[in-house]
Protein backbone atom coordinates (compact mmCIF):
# COMPACT_ATOMS: atom_id res chain seq x y z
CA MET A 1 125.37 -77.23 35.09
CA LEU A 2 125.42 -80.45 37.06
CA ARG A 3 122.98 -83.79 36.01
CA THR A 4 121.48 -85.51 38.78
CA PRO A 5 119.88 -88.92 37.47
CA SER A 6 116.59 -87.18 38.54
CA THR A 7 117.20 -84.39 36.13
CA CYS A 8 118.51 -87.07 33.26
CA LEU A 9 115.06 -88.96 33.48
CA LEU A 10 112.92 -85.65 33.14
CA PHE A 11 115.23 -84.61 30.22
CA SER A 12 114.70 -88.18 28.46
CA ILE A 13 110.61 -87.79 29.09
CA ALA A 14 110.65 -84.41 27.60
CA LEU A 15 112.37 -85.71 24.51
CA ALA A 16 110.04 -88.34 24.30
CA LEU A 17 107.11 -85.95 24.51
CA THR A 18 108.45 -83.77 22.05
CA ALA A 19 108.73 -85.98 19.75
CA ALA A 20 105.46 -87.46 20.04
CA ALA A 21 104.02 -84.14 19.52
CA CYS A 22 106.05 -83.89 15.96
CA GLY A 23 104.21 -86.78 14.69
CA LYS A 24 106.64 -89.38 15.63
CA GLU A 25 105.19 -92.97 15.65
CA ALA A 26 106.13 -96.28 17.28
CA PRO A 27 107.73 -98.72 15.10
CA GLN A 28 105.06 -101.48 14.05
CA THR A 29 105.80 -105.10 13.77
CA SER A 30 105.13 -106.70 10.46
CA GLY A 31 102.05 -108.28 9.28
CA PRO A 32 98.14 -107.43 8.97
CA PRO A 33 96.72 -104.85 11.52
CA ARG A 34 95.35 -106.49 14.25
CA GLY A 35 91.85 -107.46 14.01
CA ALA A 36 92.09 -107.72 9.88
CA PRO A 37 90.23 -111.10 8.25
CA PRO A 38 92.75 -113.81 7.59
CA ALA A 39 94.06 -113.69 3.70
CA ARG A 40 91.71 -116.03 1.60
CA GLN A 41 93.31 -119.41 0.15
CA ALA A 42 93.98 -119.51 -3.33
CA MET A 43 91.27 -121.63 -4.94
CA PRO A 44 91.27 -123.63 -8.47
CA ALA A 45 90.03 -122.16 -11.13
CA GLY A 46 87.06 -125.03 -12.09
CA PRO A 47 85.61 -127.73 -10.52
CA ALA A 48 86.94 -131.47 -10.36
CA GLU A 49 85.90 -135.15 -10.01
CA TYR A 50 87.48 -137.28 -7.78
CA ARG A 51 87.08 -141.21 -6.87
CA VAL A 52 86.82 -142.21 -3.42
CA VAL A 53 87.84 -145.64 -1.93
CA VAL A 54 87.61 -146.91 1.24
CA LYS A 55 89.01 -150.08 2.20
CA SER A 56 88.71 -151.93 5.49
CA THR A 57 91.32 -152.80 7.78
CA TRP A 58 89.02 -154.21 10.63
CA THR A 59 89.32 -157.75 10.63
CA ALA A 60 89.37 -160.46 13.23
CA ARG A 61 93.24 -161.04 13.10
CA ALA A 62 93.92 -157.28 13.67
CA PHE A 63 91.09 -156.59 16.47
CA PRO A 64 90.88 -159.91 18.36
CA SER A 65 88.47 -158.25 21.43
CA GLU A 66 85.18 -159.75 20.50
CA TYR A 67 85.27 -159.49 17.08
CA PRO A 68 81.84 -159.90 15.96
CA SER A 69 80.32 -162.34 13.49
CA GLY A 70 78.74 -160.97 10.53
CA ALA A 71 81.48 -157.94 10.58
CA HIS A 72 80.60 -155.48 7.84
CA PHE A 73 80.46 -151.85 6.72
CA SER A 74 77.02 -150.15 5.83
CA GLY A 75 77.21 -148.24 2.38
CA LEU A 76 79.21 -144.76 1.93
CA ILE A 77 76.93 -141.87 2.08
CA GLY A 78 78.86 -138.40 1.74
CA ALA A 79 78.96 -135.15 -0.11
CA SER A 80 80.82 -132.56 -1.24
CA HIS A 81 80.37 -129.07 0.47
CA ASN A 82 81.65 -125.86 1.73
CA ALA A 83 82.83 -124.60 5.43
CA ASN A 84 79.04 -123.98 6.68
CA TYR A 85 78.31 -127.98 6.51
CA SER A 86 79.68 -131.02 7.72
CA ILE A 87 78.08 -134.32 8.20
CA PHE A 88 79.67 -135.12 11.62
CA ALA A 89 82.59 -133.33 13.99
CA LEU A 90 84.13 -134.24 17.13
CA GLY A 91 82.63 -132.70 20.16
CA ARG A 92 79.08 -131.98 18.35
CA ARG A 93 75.95 -134.21 19.00
CA PRO A 94 75.02 -135.92 16.23
CA SER A 95 72.06 -135.14 14.00
CA PRO A 96 69.43 -137.49 13.29
CA GLY A 97 70.70 -138.84 9.97
CA LEU A 98 74.08 -139.36 11.64
CA GLU A 99 72.42 -141.34 14.67
CA ARG A 100 70.42 -143.75 12.18
CA LEU A 101 73.17 -144.23 10.18
CA SER A 102 75.52 -144.96 12.72
CA GLU A 103 73.12 -147.22 14.74
CA GLU A 104 70.95 -149.13 11.71
CA GLY A 105 73.33 -148.22 8.52
CA LYS A 106 70.16 -146.34 7.18
CA HIS A 107 70.98 -143.49 4.61
CA SER A 108 67.88 -142.01 5.49
CA PRO A 109 66.95 -139.17 7.03
CA LEU A 110 71.03 -138.24 6.37
CA SER A 111 70.43 -138.09 2.81
CA ASP A 112 67.37 -135.51 3.24
CA GLU A 113 69.82 -133.61 5.52
CA ILE A 114 72.51 -133.28 2.83
CA ARG A 115 69.60 -132.32 0.47
CA ALA A 116 68.66 -129.30 2.31
CA ALA A 117 72.30 -128.31 2.42
CA ILE A 118 72.65 -128.64 -1.02
CA GLU A 119 69.22 -126.61 -1.65
CA ALA A 120 70.90 -123.76 0.90
CA GLY A 121 73.78 -123.61 -1.21
CA ASN A 122 76.44 -125.33 1.23
CA ALA A 123 76.50 -128.47 -0.18
CA LEU A 124 77.13 -129.50 -4.18
CA GLU A 125 76.85 -133.01 -4.40
CA MET A 126 75.80 -136.11 -2.36
CA PHE A 127 77.09 -139.80 -3.10
CA GLU A 128 76.29 -143.27 -2.05
CA THR A 129 77.40 -146.75 -2.39
CA GLY A 130 75.93 -150.47 -0.97
CA GLY A 131 77.44 -151.95 2.07
CA LEU A 132 80.25 -154.29 2.05
CA LYS A 133 80.55 -157.64 3.40
CA ASN A 134 83.83 -158.97 1.83
CA PHE A 135 86.56 -156.76 3.40
CA LYS A 136 88.76 -157.91 0.25
CA ASP A 137 87.08 -155.86 -1.78
CA SER A 138 86.63 -152.04 -1.13
CA LEU A 139 83.63 -149.30 -1.06
CA VAL A 140 84.03 -147.04 -4.56
CA ALA A 141 82.21 -143.62 -5.28
CA THR A 142 82.83 -140.49 -7.26
CA VAL A 143 82.42 -137.04 -6.06
CA ARG A 144 82.47 -133.76 -7.89
CA VAL A 145 84.03 -130.78 -6.07
CA ASP A 146 84.32 -126.74 -7.15
CA PRO A 147 85.58 -123.52 -5.74
CA ALA A 148 82.77 -122.98 -3.65
CA HIS A 149 82.50 -126.41 -2.16
CA PRO A 150 86.19 -127.58 -1.91
CA MET A 151 85.68 -130.25 0.97
CA VAL A 152 84.24 -133.63 1.55
CA SER A 153 82.66 -135.58 4.47
CA VAL A 154 81.87 -139.18 3.83
CA VAL A 155 80.73 -141.79 6.73
CA ASN A 156 79.52 -145.49 6.98
CA MET A 157 78.38 -148.08 9.92
CA VAL A 158 80.71 -150.12 11.69
CA ALA A 159 78.20 -153.22 11.92
CA PRO A 160 77.03 -154.76 13.88
CA SER A 161 77.42 -152.21 16.51
CA PRO A 162 75.53 -149.72 19.27
CA ASP A 163 76.40 -146.59 17.50
CA TRP A 164 79.87 -146.99 15.63
CA PHE A 165 80.77 -145.79 12.43
CA THR A 166 84.00 -144.51 10.46
CA GLY A 167 84.63 -141.55 7.83
CA ALA A 168 86.00 -138.56 7.12
CA SER A 169 84.94 -135.05 8.11
CA SER A 170 85.40 -131.77 5.88
CA VAL A 171 88.73 -133.16 3.66
CA ASN A 172 89.78 -130.30 1.99
CA LEU A 173 90.63 -130.98 -1.36
CA ALA A 174 92.05 -127.65 -2.77
CA GLU A 175 95.73 -126.95 -1.88
CA ASN A 176 97.78 -123.91 -3.12
CA GLY A 177 95.48 -122.78 -5.64
CA ALA A 178 95.01 -126.18 -7.12
CA TRP A 179 93.41 -129.74 -6.63
CA VAL A 180 95.61 -132.42 -5.20
CA THR A 181 96.12 -135.43 -7.20
CA SER A 182 95.66 -137.54 -4.37
CA ARG A 183 95.25 -137.91 -0.43
CA THR A 184 94.78 -140.85 1.52
CA LEU A 185 93.62 -140.72 5.37
CA ILE A 186 93.31 -143.51 8.09
CA LEU A 187 89.80 -143.58 9.83
CA PRO A 188 89.28 -144.65 13.27
CA ALA A 189 86.14 -145.96 14.53
CA TYR A 190 84.11 -143.23 15.87
CA ASP A 191 81.07 -142.97 18.83
CA SER A 192 78.10 -140.91 17.34
CA GLY A 193 76.69 -140.43 20.69
CA GLY A 194 73.22 -141.80 20.30
CA ASP A 195 73.46 -144.83 21.79
CA ASP A 196 74.79 -146.41 25.38
CA GLY A 197 75.59 -149.65 24.18
CA THR A 198 79.12 -151.12 25.20
CA THR A 199 79.41 -154.32 23.00
CA TYR A 200 79.04 -155.17 19.05
CA LYS A 201 75.68 -156.87 19.81
CA ALA A 202 74.42 -154.71 22.95
CA ALA A 203 70.59 -154.28 22.95
CA ASP A 204 69.38 -150.74 22.10
CA ARG A 205 70.11 -148.07 24.68
CA ASN A 206 69.32 -144.97 23.38
CA THR A 207 71.20 -142.05 24.59
CA ASN A 208 69.12 -138.93 25.85
CA PRO A 209 70.24 -136.39 25.78
CA LYS A 210 72.66 -137.30 23.07
CA LYS A 211 76.27 -137.24 23.49
CA PRO A 212 79.14 -135.23 21.86
CA THR A 213 80.48 -137.65 18.89
CA SER A 214 83.92 -139.33 19.79
CA ARG A 215 86.60 -141.16 18.60
CA SER A 216 86.09 -144.78 20.07
CA ALA A 217 88.96 -145.46 22.21
CA ASN A 218 87.33 -148.72 23.98
CA ARG A 219 88.72 -152.17 24.08
CA HIS A 220 87.07 -153.42 20.56
CA PHE A 221 89.67 -150.65 18.94
CA VAL A 222 92.49 -150.57 20.75
CA VAL A 223 95.42 -152.97 20.46
CA LYS A 224 98.46 -152.92 22.86
CA GLY A 225 97.84 -149.55 24.00
CA LYS A 226 97.00 -147.85 20.97
CA VAL A 227 93.82 -147.10 19.00
CA LYS A 228 94.17 -148.79 15.72
CA PRO A 229 91.91 -147.19 12.43
CA VAL A 230 89.64 -149.51 10.92
CA ALA A 231 89.77 -148.00 7.57
CA THR A 232 91.52 -146.30 4.98
CA ILE A 233 90.19 -143.73 2.63
CA THR A 234 91.83 -142.37 -0.79
CA PHE A 235 90.87 -139.68 -3.01
CA THR A 236 92.27 -139.71 -6.44
CA LYS A 237 91.47 -136.79 -9.03
CA GLN A 238 90.17 -138.04 -12.40
């Protein structure tokens, strides 16, 4: 019998339907089933302690645009925590504690917010330092992390300023089932979103509603078209 193209098509469809009826399944791609939760990261077996060192790179020579008299950093305040807490995040409006820290350099009520996170089980430990006026020195603290709280967030005010600060958010110190030996990050300046001032010593201009926290990319922190970091932070396992 001569088979026309349409006859061949019908014959192929029939074969496919027969295969399906016999329990034949289409091949599946490798990997977890669709919708399966991601594999959990391997965590270290126990806790660790880190030395935290913040060094300023915010100097009159490096940042010539209107560099203020009396330039200094407020004291550090930070915490070790899990993924359910962080002191700040880009695109998120500031908490009352972050707003006051960024505007006045005060640790309260941010310290109360961290203590509440500790009581809720989302943070492990808070750490603080005094301020830094001599940029030849550093801000130094220690913090403990554990498998349930492997991240660290830390902030300090860039002062004087309307609401500018620097810091690091949710730095994960666990990697491949172990604690990292050392990690160094460069830190830009951030605008907390709590004040509308645009110069270092601008009069208080409270922002309502609060704006999302963002990186400061104004003329004070841009040199030759590039945003420059104002500090570095190093975590060293003890």
